Amino acid sequence: MGLQPYKILMVEDPELRAELRKAAYDQPQITDASALLIFAVNYNADEKSADDFISMIAKTRNVTTESLSAYKNMIKGTLNNLNPEQLETWVSKQAYIALGFGLVSSAVLKIDTCPMEGFSTAEFDRILDINKLGLKSKIVLAVGYRSADDKYQYLAKVRKKRDDFIIKY
């Protein structure tokens, strides 16, 4: 629908990143990466979100909000029909779509990335104080260039064979 029910938090402060590292099971990427992005989802996607989005479309495309009423009603109907669990699933998937674009874009630019779920979301949310914004952390993306000292860069990647995970019909 285009609502983008997430925010991307760019954490630059070294002290904050050190605190986050503790909540990420001491994974060094949290402090060592050139950039640390946290995808935080908005579990409060609601009719106001739809209204704001429709207003933004109208302004961007120089059309009236009335001309977008059917679209607005579809968005509101969809959101209103989601129970809290379904809403959580939907907003999380939206963040993962954005993550995918971040991974691909970085790869095209030959920048290394490390998507991470190994962290305490409750601790990240507390440290970043994002609950007051209606947000909850979902996934972390460490971005940067690998160290010349990274011993793993020289090892062969271990991946399933194509036939083990692609099913042709």
N, C-alpha and C. Protein backbone atom coordinates (compact mmCIF):
# COMPACT_ATOMS: atom_id res chain seq x y z
N MET A 1 0.83 -1.20 0.00
CA MET A 1 0.00 0.00 0.00
C MET A 1 0.86 1.25 0.00
N GLY A 2 2.12 1.11 0.39
CA GLY A 2 3.01 2.26 0.38
C GLY A 2 3.11 3.01 1.69
N LEU A 3 2.50 2.51 2.75
CA LEU A 3 2.49 3.25 4.02
C LEU A 3 3.85 3.36 4.70
N GLN A 4 4.75 2.44 4.43
CA GLN A 4 6.06 2.40 5.07
C GLN A 4 5.93 2.50 6.60
N PRO A 5 5.32 1.48 7.22
CA PRO A 5 5.08 1.54 8.67
C PRO A 5 6.31 1.18 9.50
N TYR A 6 7.40 1.83 9.21
CA TYR A 6 8.64 1.59 9.93
C TYR A 6 9.50 2.84 9.85
N LYS A 7 10.49 2.89 10.69
CA LYS A 7 11.50 3.94 10.65
C LYS A 7 12.85 3.23 10.64
N ILE A 8 13.83 3.87 10.04
CA ILE A 8 15.19 3.34 10.06
C ILE A 8 15.99 4.25 10.98
N LEU A 9 16.47 3.68 12.05
CA LEU A 9 17.23 4.44 13.05
C LEU A 9 18.72 4.25 12.75
N MET A 10 19.42 5.34 12.51
CA MET A 10 20.85 5.27 12.26
C MET A 10 21.56 5.66 13.56
N VAL A 11 22.24 4.69 14.15
CA VAL A 11 22.89 4.93 15.43
C VAL A 11 24.37 5.20 15.19
N GLU A 12 24.77 6.43 15.48
CA GLU A 12 26.15 6.86 15.26
C GLU A 12 26.94 6.99 16.56
N ASP A 13 26.29 7.31 17.65
CA ASP A 13 26.94 7.56 18.92
C ASP A 13 27.67 6.31 19.42
N PRO A 14 29.01 6.39 19.59
CA PRO A 14 29.79 5.21 20.00
C PRO A 14 29.36 4.66 21.37
N GLU A 15 29.02 5.52 22.31
CA GLU A 15 28.61 5.05 23.63
C GLU A 15 27.28 4.31 23.55
N LEU A 16 26.37 4.82 22.74
CA LEU A 16 25.09 4.17 22.56
C LEU A 16 25.26 2.82 21.87
N ARG A 17 26.13 2.79 20.89
CA ARG A 17 26.40 1.52 20.20
C ARG A 17 27.04 0.50 21.14
N ALA A 18 27.89 0.95 22.04
CA ALA A 18 28.50 0.05 23.02
C ALA A 18 27.43 -0.55 23.94
N GLU A 19 26.47 0.27 24.31
CA GLU A 19 25.37 -0.22 25.16
C GLU A 19 24.49 -1.20 24.38
N LEU A 20 24.24 -0.89 23.12
CA LEU A 20 23.46 -1.80 22.28
C LEU A 20 24.18 -3.13 22.07
N ARG A 21 25.49 -3.07 21.98
CA ARG A 21 26.27 -4.29 21.78
C ARG A 21 26.02 -5.28 22.91
N LYS A 22 25.92 -4.77 24.13
CA LYS A 22 25.64 -5.64 25.28
C LYS A 22 24.28 -6.33 25.11
N ALA A 23 23.32 -5.62 24.52
CA ALA A 23 21.98 -6.18 24.31
C ALA A 23 21.92 -7.03 23.04
N ALA A 24 23.05 -7.13 22.35
CA ALA A 24 23.14 -7.96 21.14
C ALA A 24 24.14 -9.09 21.35
N TYR A 25 24.20 -9.57 22.58
CA TYR A 25 25.03 -10.73 22.91
C TYR A 25 26.50 -10.50 22.55
N ASP A 26 26.92 -9.24 22.70
CA ASP A 26 28.31 -8.84 22.49
C ASP A 26 28.81 -9.08 21.07
N GLN A 27 27.93 -9.00 20.11
CA GLN A 27 28.35 -9.16 18.71
C GLN A 27 29.13 -7.92 18.27
N PRO A 28 30.34 -8.10 17.77
CA PRO A 28 31.20 -6.95 17.47
C PRO A 28 30.71 -6.07 16.32
N GLN A 29 29.86 -6.60 15.44
CA GLN A 29 29.38 -5.79 14.33
C GLN A 29 28.65 -4.53 14.82
N ILE A 30 28.05 -4.60 15.98
CA ILE A 30 27.29 -3.47 16.52
C ILE A 30 28.19 -2.25 16.69
N THR A 31 29.40 -2.46 17.18
CA THR A 31 30.31 -1.33 17.40
C THR A 31 31.33 -1.16 16.28
N ASP A 32 31.62 -2.24 15.56
CA ASP A 32 32.68 -2.18 14.56
C ASP A 32 32.22 -1.70 13.19
N ALA A 33 30.95 -1.86 12.87
CA ALA A 33 30.45 -1.49 11.55
C ALA A 33 30.55 0.01 11.33
N SER A 34 30.74 0.39 10.09
CA SER A 34 30.78 1.81 9.74
C SER A 34 29.45 2.49 10.03
N ALA A 35 28.37 1.76 9.79
CA ALA A 35 27.03 2.29 10.04
C ALA A 35 26.18 1.21 10.68
N LEU A 36 25.32 1.62 11.59
CA LEU A 36 24.41 0.70 12.25
C LEU A 36 22.99 1.22 12.05
N LEU A 37 22.21 0.41 11.34
CA LEU A 37 20.82 0.77 11.05
C LEU A 37 19.90 -0.19 11.79
N ILE A 38 18.90 0.35 12.43
CA ILE A 38 17.91 -0.47 13.11
C ILE A 38 16.56 -0.19 12.46
N PHE A 39 15.94 -1.24 11.98
CA PHE A 39 14.61 -1.12 11.40
C PHE A 39 13.61 -1.30 12.53
N ALA A 40 12.86 -0.25 12.80
CA ALA A 40 11.88 -0.26 13.88
C ALA A 40 10.49 -0.10 13.27
N VAL A 41 9.59 -0.98 13.67
CA VAL A 41 8.25 -0.99 13.08
C VAL A 41 7.26 -0.21 13.93
N ASN A 42 6.27 0.33 13.24
CA ASN A 42 5.20 1.09 13.88
C ASN A 42 3.99 0.18 14.03
N TYR A 43 3.77 -0.29 15.24
CA TYR A 43 2.64 -1.18 15.48
C TYR A 43 1.33 -0.40 15.62
N ASN A 44 1.41 0.90 15.48
CA ASN A 44 0.21 1.73 15.60
C ASN A 44 -0.28 2.23 14.25
N ALA A 45 0.04 1.51 13.18
CA ALA A 45 -0.47 1.89 11.86
C ALA A 45 -1.99 1.88 11.94
N ASP A 46 -2.59 3.03 11.64
CA ASP A 46 -4.02 3.16 11.83
C ASP A 46 -4.62 4.10 10.79
N GLU A 47 -5.85 4.54 11.03
CA GLU A 47 -6.53 5.42 10.07
C GLU A 47 -5.78 6.73 9.88
N LYS A 48 -5.17 7.24 10.95
CA LYS A 48 -4.39 8.48 10.81
C LYS A 48 -3.21 8.27 9.86
N SER A 49 -2.58 7.10 9.95
CA SER A 49 -1.49 6.77 9.03
C SER A 49 -1.98 6.82 7.60
N ALA A 50 -3.17 6.27 7.37
CA ALA A 50 -3.75 6.28 6.02
C ALA A 50 -4.05 7.71 5.58
N ASP A 51 -4.64 8.50 6.47
CA ASP A 51 -4.95 9.89 6.12
C ASP A 51 -3.69 10.68 5.79
N ASP A 52 -2.65 10.51 6.60
CA ASP A 52 -1.39 11.21 6.36
C ASP A 52 -0.77 10.79 5.03
N PHE A 53 -0.83 9.50 4.73
CA PHE A 53 -0.28 8.99 3.48
C PHE A 53 -1.05 9.53 2.28
N ILE A 54 -2.36 9.55 2.37
CA ILE A 54 -3.18 10.08 1.28
C ILE A 54 -2.88 11.56 1.06
N SER A 55 -2.72 12.30 2.15
CA SER A 55 -2.38 13.73 2.03
C SER A 55 -1.03 13.92 1.35
N MET A 56 -0.08 13.05 1.67
CA MET A 56 1.25 13.13 1.06
C MET A 56 1.17 12.81 -0.44
N ILE A 57 0.38 11.81 -0.80
CA ILE A 57 0.20 11.49 -2.22
C ILE A 57 -0.42 12.67 -2.95
N ALA A 58 -1.47 13.24 -2.37
CA ALA A 58 -2.17 14.36 -3.00
C ALA A 58 -1.23 15.53 -3.23
N LYS A 59 -0.43 15.85 -2.22
CA LYS A 59 0.51 16.96 -2.34
C LYS A 59 1.59 16.66 -3.38
N THR A 60 2.15 15.45 -3.32
CA THR A 60 3.24 15.07 -4.23
C THR A 60 2.77 15.04 -5.68
N ARG A 61 1.57 14.54 -5.90
CA ARG A 61 1.06 14.38 -7.27
C ARG A 61 0.15 15.51 -7.72
N ASN A 62 -0.03 16.49 -6.84
CA ASN A 62 -0.86 17.65 -7.14
C ASN A 62 -2.28 17.24 -7.56
N VAL A 63 -2.87 16.38 -6.71
CA VAL A 63 -4.26 15.96 -6.91
C VAL A 63 -5.02 16.21 -5.62
N THR A 64 -6.32 16.08 -5.67
CA THR A 64 -7.12 16.28 -4.47
C THR A 64 -7.17 14.99 -3.65
N THR A 65 -7.34 15.16 -2.35
CA THR A 65 -7.50 13.98 -1.50
C THR A 65 -8.80 13.26 -1.84
N GLU A 66 -9.79 14.00 -2.28
CA GLU A 66 -11.07 13.40 -2.66
C GLU A 66 -10.89 12.42 -3.82
N SER A 67 -9.99 12.73 -4.74
CA SER A 67 -9.77 11.84 -5.88
C SER A 67 -9.12 10.52 -5.46
N LEU A 68 -8.61 10.48 -4.24
CA LEU A 68 -7.95 9.29 -3.72
C LEU A 68 -8.80 8.56 -2.67
N SER A 69 -10.07 8.93 -2.60
CA SER A 69 -10.93 8.39 -1.53
C SER A 69 -11.08 6.87 -1.61
N ALA A 70 -11.19 6.31 -2.79
CA ALA A 70 -11.34 4.85 -2.89
C ALA A 70 -10.07 4.16 -2.37
N TYR A 71 -8.92 4.71 -2.71
CA TYR A 71 -7.65 4.15 -2.24
C TYR A 71 -7.57 4.27 -0.72
N LYS A 72 -7.92 5.45 -0.21
CA LYS A 72 -7.89 5.67 1.24
C LYS A 72 -8.82 4.69 1.95
N ASN A 73 -10.01 4.48 1.41
CA ASN A 73 -10.96 3.56 2.03
C ASN A 73 -10.43 2.12 2.00
N MET A 74 -9.75 1.75 0.93
CA MET A 74 -9.17 0.41 0.84
C MET A 74 -8.09 0.24 1.91
N ILE A 75 -7.23 1.24 2.06
CA ILE A 75 -6.17 1.17 3.07
C ILE A 75 -6.78 1.06 4.46
N LYS A 76 -7.73 1.93 4.76
CA LYS A 76 -8.35 1.92 6.09
C LYS A 76 -9.07 0.61 6.34
N GLY A 77 -9.76 0.11 5.32
CA GLY A 77 -10.46 -1.17 5.48
C GLY A 77 -9.49 -2.30 5.77
N THR A 78 -8.36 -2.30 5.06
CA THR A 78 -7.35 -3.33 5.29
C THR A 78 -6.81 -3.24 6.71
N LEU A 79 -6.43 -2.04 7.13
CA LEU A 79 -5.87 -1.86 8.48
C LEU A 79 -6.89 -2.23 9.55
N ASN A 80 -8.13 -1.83 9.36
CA ASN A 80 -9.18 -2.10 10.36
C ASN A 80 -9.51 -3.58 10.46
N ASN A 81 -9.22 -4.34 9.42
CA ASN A 81 -9.52 -5.77 9.44
C ASN A 81 -8.38 -6.63 9.98
N LEU A 82 -7.28 -5.99 10.35
CA LEU A 82 -6.14 -6.74 10.90
C LEU A 82 -6.23 -6.77 12.42
N ASN A 83 -6.14 -7.95 12.98
CA ASN A 83 -6.05 -8.01 14.44
C ASN A 83 -4.61 -7.66 14.83
N PRO A 84 -4.33 -7.44 16.11
CA PRO A 84 -2.97 -7.02 16.50
C PRO A 84 -1.87 -7.96 16.01
N GLU A 85 -2.10 -9.25 16.03
CA GLU A 85 -1.08 -10.20 15.56
C GLU A 85 -0.85 -10.07 14.06
N GLN A 86 -1.93 -9.91 13.31
CA GLN A 86 -1.80 -9.74 11.86
C GLN A 86 -1.11 -8.42 11.52
N LEU A 87 -1.42 -7.38 12.29
CA LEU A 87 -0.78 -6.08 12.06
C LEU A 87 0.72 -6.19 12.33
N GLU A 88 1.08 -6.88 13.40
CA GLU A 88 2.50 -7.06 13.72
C GLU A 88 3.22 -7.80 12.59
N THR A 89 2.59 -8.84 12.08
CA THR A 89 3.18 -9.60 10.98
C THR A 89 3.34 -8.71 9.75
N TRP A 90 2.32 -7.95 9.42
CA TRP A 90 2.35 -7.11 8.22
C TRP A 90 3.43 -6.03 8.32
N VAL A 91 3.47 -5.29 9.44
CA VAL A 91 4.47 -4.22 9.55
C VAL A 91 5.88 -4.79 9.57
N SER A 92 6.04 -5.97 10.16
CA SER A 92 7.36 -6.61 10.17
C SER A 92 7.79 -6.97 8.76
N LYS A 93 6.88 -7.52 7.98
CA LYS A 93 7.21 -7.86 6.59
C LYS A 93 7.58 -6.62 5.79
N GLN A 94 6.92 -5.51 6.07
CA GLN A 94 7.25 -4.27 5.36
C GLN A 94 8.67 -3.85 5.67
N ALA A 95 9.10 -3.99 6.92
CA ALA A 95 10.47 -3.64 7.30
C ALA A 95 11.47 -4.57 6.61
N TYR A 96 11.11 -5.84 6.49
CA TYR A 96 12.01 -6.79 5.84
C TYR A 96 12.14 -6.52 4.34
N ILE A 97 11.09 -6.01 3.73
CA ILE A 97 11.19 -5.62 2.32
C ILE A 97 12.21 -4.49 2.19
N ALA A 98 12.13 -3.50 3.08
CA ALA A 98 13.10 -2.40 3.06
C ALA A 98 14.52 -2.91 3.32
N LEU A 99 14.64 -3.84 4.27
CA LEU A 99 15.94 -4.44 4.54
C LEU A 99 16.51 -5.08 3.28
N GLY A 100 15.67 -5.80 2.54
CA GLY A 100 16.12 -6.46 1.31
C GLY A 100 16.70 -5.46 0.32
N PHE A 101 16.02 -4.32 0.18
CA PHE A 101 16.54 -3.30 -0.72
C PHE A 101 17.87 -2.74 -0.21
N GLY A 102 18.01 -2.61 1.11
CA GLY A 102 19.28 -2.15 1.67
C GLY A 102 20.41 -3.13 1.41
N LEU A 103 20.10 -4.42 1.51
CA LEU A 103 21.12 -5.43 1.26
C LEU A 103 21.56 -5.43 -0.20
N VAL A 104 20.60 -5.37 -1.10
CA VAL A 104 20.92 -5.38 -2.53
C VAL A 104 21.67 -4.11 -2.93
N SER A 105 21.19 -2.97 -2.46
CA SER A 105 21.85 -1.70 -2.79
C SER A 105 23.29 -1.69 -2.30
N SER A 106 23.50 -2.19 -1.10
CA SER A 106 24.87 -2.25 -0.57
C SER A 106 25.74 -3.18 -1.41
N ALA A 107 25.19 -4.31 -1.79
CA ALA A 107 25.97 -5.27 -2.60
C ALA A 107 26.37 -4.65 -3.93
N VAL A 108 25.45 -3.91 -4.55
CA VAL A 108 25.76 -3.26 -5.83
C VAL A 108 26.92 -2.27 -5.64
N LEU A 109 26.95 -1.61 -4.49
CA LEU A 109 28.01 -0.64 -4.20
C LEU A 109 29.26 -1.30 -3.61
N LYS A 110 29.24 -2.64 -3.53
CA LYS A 110 30.35 -3.41 -2.98
C LYS A 110 30.63 -3.06 -1.52
N ILE A 111 29.56 -2.82 -0.79
CA ILE A 111 29.63 -2.55 0.64
C ILE A 111 29.10 -3.79 1.36
N ASP A 112 29.82 -4.23 2.37
CA ASP A 112 29.40 -5.41 3.12
C ASP A 112 28.27 -5.07 4.08
N THR A 113 27.43 -6.06 4.33
CA THR A 113 26.33 -5.89 5.27
C THR A 113 26.21 -7.15 6.12
N CYS A 114 25.58 -6.98 7.26
CA CYS A 114 25.29 -8.11 8.13
C CYS A 114 23.92 -7.88 8.76
N PRO A 115 22.87 -8.50 8.20
CA PRO A 115 21.56 -8.38 8.84
C PRO A 115 21.56 -9.22 10.12
N MET A 116 20.97 -8.69 11.17
CA MET A 116 21.06 -9.34 12.47
C MET A 116 19.71 -9.36 13.19
N GLU A 117 19.35 -10.54 13.67
CA GLU A 117 18.19 -10.65 14.55
C GLU A 117 18.62 -11.03 15.96
N GLY A 118 19.88 -11.32 16.15
CA GLY A 118 20.38 -11.77 17.45
C GLY A 118 20.59 -10.62 18.41
N PHE A 119 19.48 -10.11 18.93
CA PHE A 119 19.55 -9.04 19.91
C PHE A 119 18.26 -9.03 20.71
N SER A 120 18.30 -8.42 21.87
CA SER A 120 17.11 -8.29 22.69
C SER A 120 16.33 -7.06 22.23
N THR A 121 15.21 -7.31 21.59
CA THR A 121 14.41 -6.17 21.11
C THR A 121 13.94 -5.30 22.28
N ALA A 122 13.58 -5.92 23.39
CA ALA A 122 13.12 -5.15 24.55
C ALA A 122 14.23 -4.23 25.06
N GLU A 123 15.47 -4.74 25.10
CA GLU A 123 16.59 -3.92 25.55
C GLU A 123 16.92 -2.82 24.54
N PHE A 124 16.92 -3.14 23.27
CA PHE A 124 17.16 -2.11 22.25
C PHE A 124 16.11 -1.00 22.38
N ASP A 125 14.86 -1.40 22.52
CA ASP A 125 13.77 -0.42 22.62
C ASP A 125 13.95 0.47 23.85
N ARG A 126 14.38 -0.15 24.96
CA ARG A 126 14.61 0.62 26.19
C ARG A 126 15.79 1.57 26.01
N ILE A 127 16.89 1.07 25.49
CA ILE A 127 18.10 1.89 25.32
C ILE A 127 17.82 3.07 24.39
N LEU A 128 17.12 2.81 23.32
CA LEU A 128 16.83 3.86 22.33
C LEU A 128 15.59 4.69 22.69
N ASP A 129 14.85 4.23 23.70
CA ASP A 129 13.63 4.91 24.17
C ASP A 129 12.66 5.16 23.01
N ILE A 130 12.40 4.11 22.23
CA ILE A 130 11.56 4.28 21.05
C ILE A 130 10.10 3.90 21.26
N ASN A 131 9.79 3.30 22.41
CA ASN A 131 8.39 2.97 22.67
C ASN A 131 7.52 4.23 22.67
N LYS A 132 8.10 5.34 23.14
CA LYS A 132 7.33 6.59 23.17
C LYS A 132 6.98 7.07 21.76
N LEU A 133 7.68 6.55 20.76
CA LEU A 133 7.41 6.90 19.37
C LEU A 133 6.46 5.89 18.70
N GLY A 134 6.00 4.90 19.49
CA GLY A 134 5.15 3.87 18.93
C GLY A 134 5.92 2.87 18.08
N LEU A 135 7.22 2.75 18.35
CA LEU A 135 8.08 1.88 17.55
C LEU A 135 8.62 0.73 18.38
N LYS A 136 8.95 -0.36 17.67
CA LYS A 136 9.62 -1.50 18.27
C LYS A 136 10.69 -1.96 17.30
N SER A 137 11.89 -2.19 17.82
CA SER A 137 12.98 -2.64 16.96
C SER A 137 12.66 -4.03 16.42
N LYS A 138 13.05 -4.27 15.18
CA LYS A 138 12.74 -5.55 14.54
C LYS A 138 14.00 -6.23 14.02
N ILE A 139 14.86 -5.49 13.33
CA ILE A 139 16.06 -6.09 12.75
C ILE A 139 17.16 -5.03 12.67
N VAL A 140 18.39 -5.49 12.75
CA VAL A 140 19.56 -4.60 12.70
C VAL A 140 20.32 -4.88 11.41
N LEU A 141 20.86 -3.83 10.83
CA LEU A 141 21.72 -3.98 9.66
C LEU A 141 23.03 -3.26 9.92
N ALA A 142 24.09 -4.05 10.08
CA ALA A 142 25.43 -3.49 10.20
C ALA A 142 25.97 -3.33 8.79
N VAL A 143 26.54 -2.15 8.50
CA VAL A 143 27.00 -1.83 7.15
C VAL A 143 28.43 -1.32 7.22
N GLY A 144 29.25 -1.73 6.27
CA GLY A 144 30.62 -1.22 6.23
C GLY A 144 31.50 -2.06 5.34
N TYR A 145 32.77 -1.84 5.46
CA TYR A 145 33.75 -2.59 4.69
C TYR A 145 34.45 -3.55 5.63
N ARG A 146 34.63 -4.77 5.18
CA ARG A 146 35.22 -5.77 6.06
C ARG A 146 36.68 -5.44 6.37
N SER A 147 37.06 -5.85 7.53
CA SER A 147 38.43 -5.66 7.99
C SER A 147 39.36 -6.62 7.25
N ALA A 148 40.57 -6.18 6.98
CA ALA A 148 41.57 -7.06 6.37
C ALA A 148 41.90 -8.21 7.32
N ASP A 149 41.61 -8.02 8.61
CA ASP A 149 41.87 -9.05 9.61
C ASP A 149 40.74 -10.07 9.73
N ASP A 150 39.67 -9.90 8.94
CA ASP A 150 38.53 -10.82 9.00
C ASP A 150 38.91 -12.17 8.41
N LYS A 151 39.14 -13.12 9.29
CA LYS A 151 39.60 -14.45 8.84
C LYS A 151 38.54 -15.19 8.05
N TYR A 152 37.28 -14.85 8.24
CA TYR A 152 36.20 -15.56 7.57
C TYR A 152 36.06 -15.18 6.10
N GLN A 153 36.58 -14.03 5.72
CA GLN A 153 36.44 -13.61 4.32
C GLN A 153 37.17 -14.53 3.35
N TYR A 154 38.13 -15.28 3.85
CA TYR A 154 38.91 -16.15 2.98
C TYR A 154 38.37 -17.59 2.93
N LEU A 155 37.39 -17.85 3.76
CA LEU A 155 36.81 -19.19 3.79
C LEU A 155 35.70 -19.31 2.75
N ALA A 156 35.54 -20.50 2.20
CA ALA A 156 34.46 -20.75 1.24
C ALA A 156 33.12 -20.59 1.96
N LYS A 157 32.17 -19.97 1.29
CA LYS A 157 30.82 -19.83 1.84
C LYS A 157 30.15 -21.19 1.86
N VAL A 158 29.44 -21.47 2.91
CA VAL A 158 28.73 -22.74 3.03
C VAL A 158 27.25 -22.47 2.81
N ARG A 159 26.75 -22.93 1.70
CA ARG A 159 25.35 -22.72 1.32
C ARG A 159 24.79 -24.02 0.78
N LYS A 160 23.49 -24.20 0.92
CA LYS A 160 22.83 -25.37 0.35
C LYS A 160 22.97 -25.34 -1.16
N LYS A 161 22.96 -26.53 -1.75
CA LYS A 161 22.96 -26.62 -3.20
C LYS A 161 21.61 -26.12 -3.71
N ARG A 162 21.62 -25.56 -4.89
CA ARG A 162 20.41 -25.00 -5.48
C ARG A 162 19.23 -25.98 -5.42
N ASP A 163 19.47 -27.22 -5.77
CA ASP A 163 18.39 -28.22 -5.79
C ASP A 163 17.86 -28.54 -4.41
N ASP A 164 18.60 -28.16 -3.37
CA ASP A 164 18.15 -28.41 -2.00
C ASP A 164 17.22 -27.33 -1.46
N PHE A 165 17.12 -26.20 -2.17
CA PHE A 165 16.21 -25.18 -1.65
C PHE A 165 15.35 -24.53 -2.73
N ILE A 166 15.53 -24.89 -3.97
CA ILE A 166 14.66 -24.40 -5.04
C ILE A 166 13.84 -25.58 -5.57
N ILE A 167 12.55 -25.41 -5.54
CA ILE A 167 11.65 -26.44 -6.06
C ILE A 167 11.06 -25.93 -7.35
N LYS A 168 11.28 -26.66 -8.42
CA LYS A 168 10.77 -26.27 -9.74
C LYS A 168 9.42 -26.93 -9.97
N TYR A 169 8.51 -26.18 -10.57
CA TYR A 169 7.20 -26.71 -10.97
C TYR A 169 7.03 -26.59 -12.45
